[in-house]
PDB file of N, CA and C in Angstrom:
ATOM      1  N   MET A   1      87.804 114.005 100.862  1.00  0.00           N
ATOM      2  CA  MET A   1      87.999 114.207 102.280  1.00  0.00           C
ATOM      3  C   MET A   1      88.787 115.502 102.481  1.00  0.00           C
ATOM      4  N   LYS A   2      88.275 116.380 103.266  1.00  0.00           N
ATOM      5  CA  LYS A   2      88.950 117.628 103.577  1.00  0.00           C
ATOM      6  C   LYS A   2      90.055 117.349 104.601  1.00  0.00           C
ATOM      7  N   ARG A   3      91.261 117.868 104.324  1.00  0.00           N
ATOM      8  CA  ARG A   3      92.394 117.682 105.230  1.00  0.00           C
ATOM      9  C   ARG A   3      93.058 119.023 105.499  1.00  0.00           C
ATOM     10  N   ASN A   4      93.790 119.117 106.593  1.00  0.00           N
ATOM     11  CA  ASN A   4      94.445 120.384 106.927  1.00  0.00           C
ATOM     12  C   ASN A   4      95.866 120.468 106.372  1.00  0.00           C
ATOM     13  N   TYR A   5      96.310 119.478 105.600  1.00  0.00           N
ATOM     14  CA  TYR A   5      97.658 119.496 105.042  1.00  0.00           C
ATOM     15  C   TYR A   5      97.607 119.697 103.539  1.00  0.00           C
ATOM     16  N   SER A   6      98.614 120.377 103.004  1.00  0.00           N
ATOM     17  CA  SER A   6      98.702 120.546 101.553  1.00  0.00           C
ATOM     18  C   SER A   6      99.756 119.631 100.944  1.00  0.00           C
ATOM     19  N   GLY A   7     100.645 119.064 101.776  1.00  0.00           N
ATOM     20  CA  GLY A   7     101.646 118.101 101.324  1.00  0.00           C
ATOM     21  C   GLY A   7     101.134 116.686 101.560  1.00  0.00           C
ATOM     22  N   CYS A   8     102.020 115.829 102.048  1.00  0.00           N
ATOM     23  CA  CYS A   8     101.653 114.445 102.369  1.00  0.00           C
ATOM     24  C   CYS A   8     100.415 114.438 103.263  1.00  0.00           C
ATOM     25  N   ALA A   9      99.485 113.532 102.983  1.00  0.00           N
ATOM     26  CA  ALA A   9      98.195 113.507 103.682  1.00  0.00           C
ATOM     27  C   ALA A   9      98.315 113.287 105.185  1.00  0.00           C
ATOM     28  N   ILE A  10      99.451 112.738 105.669  1.00  0.00           N
ATOM     29  CA  ILE A  10      99.564 112.506 107.110  1.00  0.00           C
ATOM     30  C   ILE A  10     100.692 113.300 107.773  1.00  0.00           C
ATOM     31  N   CYS A  11     101.757 113.638 107.027  1.00  0.00           N
ATOM     32  CA  CYS A  11     102.874 114.345 107.674  1.00  0.00           C
ATOM     33  C   CYS A  11     103.159 115.722 107.077  1.00  0.00           C
ATOM     34  N   ASP A  12     102.534 116.052 105.971  1.00  0.00           N
ATOM     35  CA  ASP A  12     102.648 117.338 105.289  1.00  0.00           C
ATOM     36  C   ASP A  12     103.993 117.553 104.587  1.00  0.00           C
ATOM     37  N   SER A  13     104.838 116.520 104.495  1.00  0.00           N
ATOM     38  CA  SER A  13     106.089 116.648 103.742  1.00  0.00           C
ATOM     39  C   SER A  13     105.776 116.892 102.269  1.00  0.00           C
ATOM     40  N   THR A  14     106.674 117.563 101.600  1.00  0.00           N
ATOM     41  CA  THR A  14     106.461 117.847 100.181  1.00  0.00           C
ATOM     42  C   THR A  14     107.410 117.059  99.281  1.00  0.00           C
ATOM     43  N   TRP A  15     108.335 116.311  99.863  1.00  0.00           N
ATOM     44  CA  TRP A  15     109.219 115.472  99.052  1.00  0.00           C
ATOM     45  C   TRP A  15     108.480 114.187  98.682  1.00  0.00           C
ATOM     46  N   GLY A  16     109.020 113.421  97.772  1.00  0.00           N
ATOM     47  CA  GLY A  16     108.390 112.173  97.347  1.00  0.00           C
ATOM     48  C   GLY A  16     107.411 112.418  96.213  1.00  0.00           C
ATOM     49  N   ASN A  17     106.875 111.331  95.696  1.00  0.00           N
ATOM     50  CA  ASN A  17     105.932 111.451  94.583  1.00  0.00           C
ATOM     51  C   ASN A  17     105.041 110.215  94.528  1.00  0.00           C
ATOM     52  N   LEU A  18     104.399 109.908  95.630  1.00  0.00           N
ATOM     53  CA  LEU A  18     103.530 108.740  95.715  1.00  0.00           C
ATOM     54  C   LEU A  18     102.079 109.209  95.737  1.00  0.00           C
ATOM     55  N   TRP A  19     101.334 108.838  94.728  1.00  0.00           N
ATOM     56  CA  TRP A  19      99.918 109.189  94.625  1.00  0.00           C
ATOM     57  C   TRP A  19      99.110 107.902  94.681  1.00  0.00           C
ATOM     58  N   GLU A  20      98.157 107.828  95.599  1.00  0.00           N
ATOM     59  CA  GLU A  20      97.333 106.629  95.763  1.00  0.00           C
ATOM     60  C   GLU A  20      95.881 107.025  96.003  1.00  0.00           C
ATOM     61  N   ASP A  21      94.979 106.153  95.609  1.00  0.00           N
ATOM     62  CA  ASP A  21      93.565 106.354  95.893  1.00  0.00           C
ATOM     63  C   ASP A  21      93.260 105.823  97.294  1.00  0.00           C
ATOM     64  N   VAL A  22      92.722 106.698  98.120  1.00  0.00           N
ATOM     65  CA  VAL A  22      92.302 106.334  99.469  1.00  0.00           C
ATOM     66  C   VAL A  22      90.885 106.859  99.639  1.00  0.00           C
ATOM     67  N   GLU A  23      89.974 105.976  99.971  1.00  0.00           N
ATOM     68  CA  GLU A  23      88.577 106.367 100.167  1.00  0.00           C
ATOM     69  C   GLU A  23      88.016 107.050  98.924  1.00  0.00           C
ATOM     70  N   GLY A  24      88.424 106.588  97.761  1.00  0.00           N
ATOM     71  CA  GLY A  24      87.901 107.124  96.509  1.00  0.00           C
ATOM     72  C   GLY A  24      88.487 108.452  96.078  1.00  0.00           C
ATOM     73  N   GLU A  25      89.548 108.883  96.748  1.00  0.00           N
ATOM     74  CA  GLU A  25      90.170 110.167  96.427  1.00  0.00           C
ATOM     75  C   GLU A  25      91.662 109.970  96.195  1.00  0.00           C
ATOM     76  N   ARG A  26      92.193 110.592  95.164  1.00  0.00           N
ATOM     77  CA  ARG A  26      93.622 110.505  94.877  1.00  0.00           C
ATOM     78  C   ARG A  26      94.359 111.441  95.827  1.00  0.00           C
ATOM     79  N   MET A  27      95.294 110.873  96.619  1.00  0.00           N
ATOM     80  CA  MET A  27      96.013 111.650  97.630  1.00  0.00           C
ATOM     81  C   MET A  27      97.510 111.503  97.456  1.00  0.00           C
ATOM     82  N   PHE A  28      98.229 112.553  97.877  1.00  0.00           N
ATOM     83  CA  PHE A  28      99.691 112.565  97.821  1.00  0.00           C
ATOM     84  C   PHE A  28     100.261 112.066  99.145  1.00  0.00           C
ATOM     85  N   PHE A  29     101.288 111.224  99.040  1.00  0.00           N
ATOM     86  CA  PHE A  29     102.044 110.738 100.198  1.00  0.00           C
ATOM     87  C   PHE A  29     103.522 110.844  99.866  1.00  0.00           C
ATOM     88  N   CYS A  30     104.335 111.113 100.872  1.00  0.00           N
ATOM     89  CA  CYS A  30     105.769 111.231 100.632  1.00  0.00           C
ATOM     90  C   CYS A  30     106.440 109.863 100.530  1.00  0.00           C
ATOM     91  N   CYS A  31     105.838 108.833 101.172  1.00  0.00           N
ATOM     92  CA  CYS A  31     106.474 107.516 101.183  1.00  0.00           C
ATOM     93  C   CYS A  31     105.434 106.428 101.482  1.00  0.00           C
ATOM     94  N   ASP A  32     105.849 105.187 101.321  1.00  0.00           N
ATOM     95  CA  ASP A  32     104.974 104.044 101.585  1.00  0.00           C
ATOM     96  C   ASP A  32     104.548 103.963 103.042  1.00  0.00           C
ATOM     97  N   VAL A  33     105.428 104.345 103.962  1.00  0.00           N
ATOM     98  CA  VAL A  33     105.093 104.275 105.390  1.00  0.00           C
ATOM     99  C   VAL A  33     103.950 105.235 105.712  1.00  0.00           C
ATOM    100  N   CYS A  34     104.009 106.441 105.178  1.00  0.00           N
ATOM    101  CA  CYS A  34     102.925 107.402 105.426  1.00  0.00           C
ATOM    102  C   CYS A  34     101.614 106.921 104.807  1.00  0.00           C
ATOM    103  N   LEU A  35     101.678 106.316 103.640  1.00  0.00           N
ATOM    104  CA  LEU A  35     100.476 105.753 103.026  1.00  0.00           C
ATOM    105  C   LEU A  35      99.877 104.679 103.928  1.00  0.00           C
ATOM    106  N   THR A  36     100.712 103.779 104.433  1.00  0.00           N
ATOM    107  CA  THR A  36     100.248 102.717 105.333  1.00  0.00           C
ATOM    108  C   THR A  36      99.638 103.312 106.598  1.00  0.00           C
ATOM    109  N   GLN A  37     100.306 104.301 107.185  1.00  0.00           N
ATOM    110  CA  GLN A  37      99.776 104.950 108.394  1.00  0.00           C
ATOM    111  C   GLN A  37      98.408 105.565 108.132  1.00  0.00           C
ATOM    112  N   PHE A  38      98.286 106.292 107.027  1.00  0.00           N
ATOM    113  CA  PHE A  38      97.025 106.972 106.735  1.00  0.00           C
ATOM    114  C   PHE A  38      95.892 105.970 106.536  1.00  0.00           C
ATOM    115  N   ARG A  39      96.152 104.918 105.784  1.00  0.00           N
ATOM    116  CA  ARG A  39      95.104 103.906 105.574  1.00  0.00           C
ATOM    117  C   ARG A  39      94.697 103.251 106.886  1.00  0.00           C
ATOM    118  N   ARG A  40      95.658 102.959 107.745  1.00  0.00           N
ATOM    119  CA  ARG A  40      95.330 102.346 109.035  1.00  0.00           C
ATOM    120  C   ARG A  40      94.581 103.322 109.927  1.00  0.00           C
ATOM    121  N   LEU A  41      94.942 104.599 109.881  1.00  0.00           N
ATOM    122  CA  LEU A  41      94.235 105.617 110.647  1.00  0.00           C
ATOM    123  C   LEU A  41      92.772 105.681 110.200  1.00  0.00           C
ATOM    124  N   VAL A  42      92.535 105.753 108.911  1.00  0.00           N
ATOM    125  CA  VAL A  42      91.170 105.826 108.379  1.00  0.00           C
ATOM    126  C   VAL A  42      90.373 104.579 108.764  1.00  0.00           C
ATOM    127  N   ASP A  43      90.976 103.414 108.596  1.00  0.00           N
ATOM    128  CA  ASP A  43      90.286 102.168 108.949  1.00  0.00           C
ATOM    129  C   ASP A  43      89.940 102.124 110.433  1.00  0.00           C
ATOM    130  N   ARG A  44      90.856 102.571 111.291  1.00  0.00           N
ATOM    131  CA  ARG A  44      90.607 102.537 112.739  1.00  0.00           C
ATOM    132  C   ARG A  44      89.494 103.503 113.128  1.00  0.00           C
ATOM    133  N   VAL A  45      89.491 104.690 112.559  1.00  0.00           N
ATOM    134  CA  VAL A  45      88.431 105.661 112.866  1.00  0.00           C
ATOM    135  C   VAL A  45      87.077 105.101 112.439  1.00  0.00           C
ATOM    136  N   LYS A  46      87.005 104.531 111.259  1.00  0.00           N
ATOM    137  CA  LYS A  46      85.734 103.978 110.780  1.00  0.00           C
ATOM    138  C   LYS A  46      85.276 102.817 111.660  1.00  0.00           C
ATOM    139  N   ARG A  47      86.220 101.994 112.115  1.00  0.00           N
ATOM    140  CA  ARG A  47      85.860 100.878 112.998  1.00  0.00           C
ATOM    141  C   ARG A  47      85.383 101.383 114.367  1.00  0.00           C
ATOM    142  N   GLU A  48      86.058 102.396 114.913  1.00  0.00           N
ATOM    143  CA  GLU A  48      85.705 102.944 116.234  1.00  0.00           C
ATOM    144  C   GLU A  48      84.370 103.681 116.219  1.00  0.00           C
ATOM    145  N   THR A  49      84.054 104.342 115.097  1.00  0.00           N
ATOM    146  CA  THR A  49      82.866 105.192 115.038  1.00  0.00           C
ATOM    147  C   THR A  49      81.667 104.538 114.354  1.00  0.00           C
ATOM    148  N   GLY A  50      81.938 103.567 113.495  1.00  0.00           N
ATOM    149  CA  GLY A  50      80.869 102.976 112.698  1.00  0.00           C
ATOM    150  C   GLY A  50      80.504 103.805 111.481  1.00  0.00           C
ATOM    151  N   TRP A  51      81.264 104.872 111.207  1.00  0.00           N
ATOM    152  CA  TRP A  51      81.001 105.719 110.057  1.00  0.00           C
ATOM    153  C   TRP A  51      81.343 104.971 108.769  1.00  0.00           C
ATOM    154  N   SER A  52      80.623 105.281 107.715  1.00  0.00           N
ATOM    155  CA  SER A  52      80.954 104.714 106.407  1.00  0.00           C
ATOM    156  C   SER A  52      81.994 105.564 105.683  1.00  0.00           C
ATOM    157  N   ALA A  53      82.107 106.839 106.087  1.00  0.00           N
ATOM    158  CA  ALA A  53      83.064 107.744 105.449  1.00  0.00           C
ATOM    159  C   ALA A  53      83.494 108.826 106.430  1.00  0.00           C
ATOM    160  N   ILE A  54      84.691 109.342 106.221  1.00  0.00           N
ATOM    161  CA  ILE A  54      85.211 110.475 106.983  1.00  0.00           C
ATOM    162  C   ILE A  54      85.190 111.671 106.043  1.00  0.00           C
ATOM    163  N   GLU A  55      84.511 112.725 106.432  1.00  0.00           N
ATOM    164  CA  GLU A  55      84.407 113.900 105.569  1.00  0.00           C
ATOM    165  C   GLU A  55      85.556 114.877 105.749  1.00  0.00           C
ATOM    166  N   ALA A  56      86.096 114.961 106.977  1.00  0.00           N
ATOM    167  CA  ALA A  56      87.191 115.886 107.252  1.00  0.00           C
ATOM    168  C   ALA A  56      88.106 115.279 108.302  1.00  0.00           C
ATOM    169  N   LEU A  57      89.388 115.619 108.199  1.00  0.00           N
ATOM    170  CA  LEU A  57      90.385 115.080 109.121  1.00  0.00           C
ATOM    171  C   LEU A  57      91.435 116.147 109.388  1.00  0.00           C
ATOM    172  N   GLU A  58      91.607 116.483 110.665  1.00  0.00           N
ATOM    173  CA  GLU A  58      92.653 117.418 111.082  1.00  0.00           C
ATOM    174  C   GLU A  58      93.684 116.620 111.862  1.00  0.00           C
ATOM    175  N   ILE A  59      94.951 116.798 111.507  1.00  0.00           N
ATOM    176  CA  ILE A  59      96.034 116.047 112.124  1.00  0.00           C
ATOM    177  C   ILE A  59      97.070 117.027 112.653  1.00  0.00           C
ATOM    178  N   GLU A  60      97.489 116.833 113.916  1.00  0.00           N
ATOM    179  CA  GLU A  60      98.563 117.615 114.527  1.00  0.00           C
ATOM    180  C   GLU A  60      99.557 116.644 115.133  1.00  0.00           C
ATOM    181  N   GLY A  61     100.829 116.961 115.044  1.00  0.00           N
ATOM    182  CA  GLY A  61     101.841 116.124 115.662  1.00  0.00           C
ATOM    183  C   GLY A  61     102.853 115.622 114.661  1.00  0.00           C
ATOM    184  N   ASP A  62     103.630 114.632 115.088  1.00  0.00           N
ATOM    185  CA  ASP A  62     104.692 114.106 114.250  1.00  0.00           C
ATOM    186  C   ASP A  62     104.818 112.603 114.459  1.00  0.00           C
ATOM    187  N   ARG A  63     105.953 112.040 114.087  1.00  0.00           N
ATOM    188  CA  ARG A  63     106.137 110.599 114.134  1.00  0.00           C
ATOM    189  C   ARG A  63     106.008 110.008 115.538  1.00  0.00           C
ATOM    190  N   ARG A  64     106.163 110.825 116.572  1.00  0.00           N
ATOM    191  CA  ARG A  64     106.034 110.338 117.943  1.00  0.00           C
ATOM    192  C   ARG A  64     104.582 110.161 118.366  1.00  0.00           C
ATOM    193  N   GLY A  65     103.670 110.814 117.672  1.00  0.00           N
ATOM    194  CA  GLY A  65     102.248 110.710 117.977  1.00  0.00           C
ATOM    195  C   GLY A  65     101.491 111.876 117.375  1.00  0.00           C
ATOM    196  N   ARG A  66     100.251 111.618 117.041  1.00  0.00           N
ATOM    197  CA  ARG A  66      99.424 112.636 116.397  1.00  0.00           C
ATOM    198  C   ARG A  66      98.087 112.749 117.116  1.00  0.00           C
ATOM    199  N   ARG A  67      97.649 113.975 117.299  1.00  0.00           N
ATOM    200  CA  ARG A  67      96.314 114.250 117.830  1.00  0.00           C
ATOM    201  C   ARG A  67      95.447 114.595 116.633  1.00  0.00           C
ATOM    202  N   CYS A  68      94.293 113.964 116.539  1.00  0.00           N
ATOM    203  CA  CYS A  68      93.473 114.106 115.342  1.00  0.00           C
ATOM    204  C   CYS A  68      92.018 114.388 115.696  1.00  0.00           C
ATOM    205  N   LEU A  69      91.343 115.033 114.770  1.00  0.00           N
ATOM    206  CA  LEU A  69      89.908 115.255 114.864  1.00  0.00           C
ATOM    207  C   LEU A  69      89.310 114.833 113.534  1.00  0.00           C
ATOM    208  N   ALA A  70      88.416 113.856 113.591  1.00  0.00           N
ATOM    209  CA  ALA A  70      87.722 113.379 112.395  1.00  0.00           C
ATOM    210  C   ALA A  70      86.280 113.863 112.461  1.00  0.00           C
ATOM    211  N   ALA A  71      85.703 114.118 111.295  1.00  0.00           N
ATOM    212  CA  ALA A  71      84.316 114.586 111.231  1.00  0.00           C
ATOM    213  C   ALA A  71      83.573 113.839 110.142  1.00  0.00           C
ATOM    214  N   SER A  72      82.304 113.586 110.443  1.00  0.00           N
ATOM    215  CA  SER A  72      81.379 113.006 109.465  1.00  0.00           C
ATOM    216  C   SER A  72      80.019 113.622 109.753  1.00  0.00           C
ATOM    217  N   GLY A  73      79.550 114.462 108.845  1.00  0.00           N
ATOM    218  CA  GLY A  73      78.312 115.194 109.124  1.00  0.00           C
ATOM    219  C   GLY A  73      78.516 116.071 110.343  1.00  0.00           C
ATOM    220  N   GLU A  74      77.603 115.990 111.289  1.00  0.00           N
ATOM    221  CA  GLU A  74      77.708 116.758 112.537  1.00  0.00           C
ATOM    222  C   GLU A  74      78.539 116.041 113.598  1.00  0.00           C
ATOM    223  N   ALA A  75      78.842 114.778 113.391  1.00  0.00           N
ATOM    224  CA  ALA A  75      79.577 113.975 114.379  1.00  0.00           C
ATOM    225  C   ALA A  75      81.070 114.309 114.343  1.00  0.00           C
ATOM    226  N   ARG A  76      81.698 114.295 115.521  1.00  0.00           N
ATOM    227  CA  ARG A  76      83.130 114.540 115.673  1.00  0.00           C
ATOM    228  C   ARG A  76      83.737 113.413 116.492  1.00  0.00           C
ATOM    229  N   PHE A  77      84.983 113.059 116.181  1.00  0.00           N
ATOM    230  CA  PHE A  77      85.711 112.022 116.909  1.00  0.00           C
ATOM    231  C   PHE A  77      87.150 112.493 117.059  1.00  0.00           C
ATOM    232  N   ARG A  78      87.578 112.673 118.309  1.00  0.00           N
ATOM    233  CA  ARG A  78      88.935 113.146 118.608  1.00  0.00           C
ATOM    234  C   ARG A  78      89.725 111.967 119.180  1.00  0.00           C
ATOM    235  N   PHE A  79      90.997 111.860 118.747  1.00  0.00           N
ATOM    236  CA  PHE A  79      91.811 110.733 119.199  1.00  0.00           C
ATOM    237  C   PHE A  79      93.294 111.058 119.081  1.00  0.00           C
ATOM    238  N   ARG A  80      94.087 110.226 119.746  1.00  0.00           N
ATOM    239  CA  ARG A  80      95.538 110.277 119.641  1.00  0.00           C
ATOM    240  C   ARG A  80      95.973 108.954 119.055  1.00  0.00           C
ATOM    241  N   ILE A  81      96.940 108.996 118.123  1.00  0.00           N
ATOM    242  CA  ILE A  81      97.407 107.784 117.471  1.00  0.00           C
ATOM    243  C   ILE A  81      98.917 107.871 117.277  1.00  0.00           C
ATOM    244  N   ALA A  82      99.579 106.726 117.420  1.00  0.00           N
ATOM    245  CA  ALA A  82     101.018 106.641 117.170  1.00  0.00           C
ATOM    246  C   ALA A  82     101.283 105.351 116.407  1.00  0.00           C
ATOM    247  N   PHE A  83     102.310 105.383 115.599  1.00  0.00           N
ATOM    248  CA  PHE A  83     102.649 104.259 114.736  1.00  0.00           C
ATOM    249  C   PHE A  83     104.081 103.794 114.996  1.00  0.00           C
ATOM    250  N   ASN A  84     104.371 102.543 114.646  1.00  0.00           N
ATOM    251  CA  ASN A  84     105.753 102.091 114.686  1.00  0.00           C
ATOM    252  C   ASN A  84     106.419 102.403 113.346  1.00  0.00           C
ATOM    253  N   SER A  85     107.658 101.980 113.174  1.00  0.00           N
ATOM    254  CA  SER A  85     108.415 102.324 111.970  1.00  0.00           C
ATOM    255  C   SER A  85     107.886 101.652 110.708  1.00  0.00           C
ATOM    256  N   LEU A  86     107.007 100.659 110.859  1.00  0.00           N
ATOM    257  CA  LEU A  86     106.413  99.982 109.712  1.00  0.00           C
ATOM    258  C   LEU A  86     105.035 100.518 109.372  1.00  0.00           C
ATOM    259  N   GLY A  87     104.564 101.491 110.145  1.00  0.00           N
ATOM    260  CA  GLY A  87     103.255 102.082 109.898  1.00  0.00           C
ATOM    261  C   GLY A  87     102.120 101.390 110.631  1.00  0.00           C
ATOM    262  N   GLU A  88     102.451 100.451 111.519  1.00  0.00           N
ATOM    263  CA  GLU A  88     101.414  99.767 112.306  1.00  0.00           C
ATOM    264  C   GLU A  88     101.052 100.622 113.515  1.00  0.00           C
ATOM    265  N   ILE A  89      99.798 100.595 113.907  1.00  0.00           N
ATOM    266  CA  ILE A  89      99.344 101.371 115.068  1.00  0.00           C
ATOM    267  C   ILE A  89      99.937 100.759 116.330  1.00  0.00           C
ATOM    268  N   ARG A  90     100.650 101.571 117.121  1.00  0.00           N
ATOM    269  CA  ARG A  90     101.205 101.087 118.387  1.00  0.00           C
ATOM    270  C   ARG A  90     100.477 101.681 119.587  1.00  0.00           C
ATOM    271  N   ALA A  91      99.738 102.766 119.365  1.00  0.00           N
ATOM    272  CA  ALA A  91      98.951 103.371 120.443  1.00  0.00           C
ATOM    273  C   ALA A  91      97.745 104.075 119.838  1.00  0.00           C
ATOM    274  N   PHE A  92      96.604 103.919 120.496  1.00  0.00           N
ATOM    275  CA  PHE A  92      95.382 104.593 120.062  1.00  0.00           C
ATOM    276  C   PHE A  92      94.595 104.948 121.308  1.00  0.00           C
ATOM    277  N   GLU A  93      94.169 106.190 121.402  1.00  0.00           N
ATOM    278  CA  GLU A  93      93.422 106.663 122.579  1.00  0.00           C
ATOM    279  C   GLU A  93      92.322 107.611 122.148  1.00  0.00           C
ATOM    280  N   ARG A  94      91.103 107.305 122.558  1.00  0.00           N
ATOM    281  CA  ARG A  94      89.986 108.242 122.345  1.00  0.00           C
ATOM    282  C   ARG A  94      90.174 109.438 123.245  1.00  0.00           C
ATOM    283  N   LEU A  95      89.879 110.614 122.730  1.00  0.00           N
ATOM    284  CA  LEU A  95      89.951 111.842 123.505  1.00  0.00           C
ATOM    285  C   LEU A  95      88.576 112.487 123.544  1.00  0.00           C
ATOM    286  N   ALA A  96      88.348 113.281 124.564  1.00  0.00           N
ATOM    287  CA  ALA A  96      87.075 113.984 124.668  1.00  0.00           C
ATOM    288  C   ALA A  96      86.953 115.012 123.555  1.00  0.00           C
ATOM    289  N   VAL A  97      85.787 115.101 122.988  1.00  0.00           N
ATOM    290  CA  VAL A  97      85.516 116.109 121.968  1.00  0.00           C
ATOM    291  C   VAL A  97      85.121 117.388 122.682  1.00  0.00           C
ATOM    292  N   GLY A  98      85.759 118.464 122.301  1.00  0.00           N
ATOM    293  CA  GLY A  98      85.415 119.724 122.946  1.00  0.00           C
ATOM    294  C   GLY A  98      86.409 120.797 122.731  1.00  0.00           C
TER     295      GLY A  98
END
């Protein structure tokens, strides 16, 4: 999966040393909370879109909320997502693609 971060897959932090397989790819995470957030984000996008896989993911924002663009083939899905302190989704909103 192509991502716009070189550090942690969801927050881009470079501290920590947590490596986990997500969607068949070994990814770096700074902590367990970020790993939980990322897995829930991927699961929610796949449920909302019906996609079997996400090919690319762009994430902007911070712990207060993130604006994201997911891609699979030619299809695009833009959304806003926020998590609580345990990594559970507390807000999810579809956004217009454009």
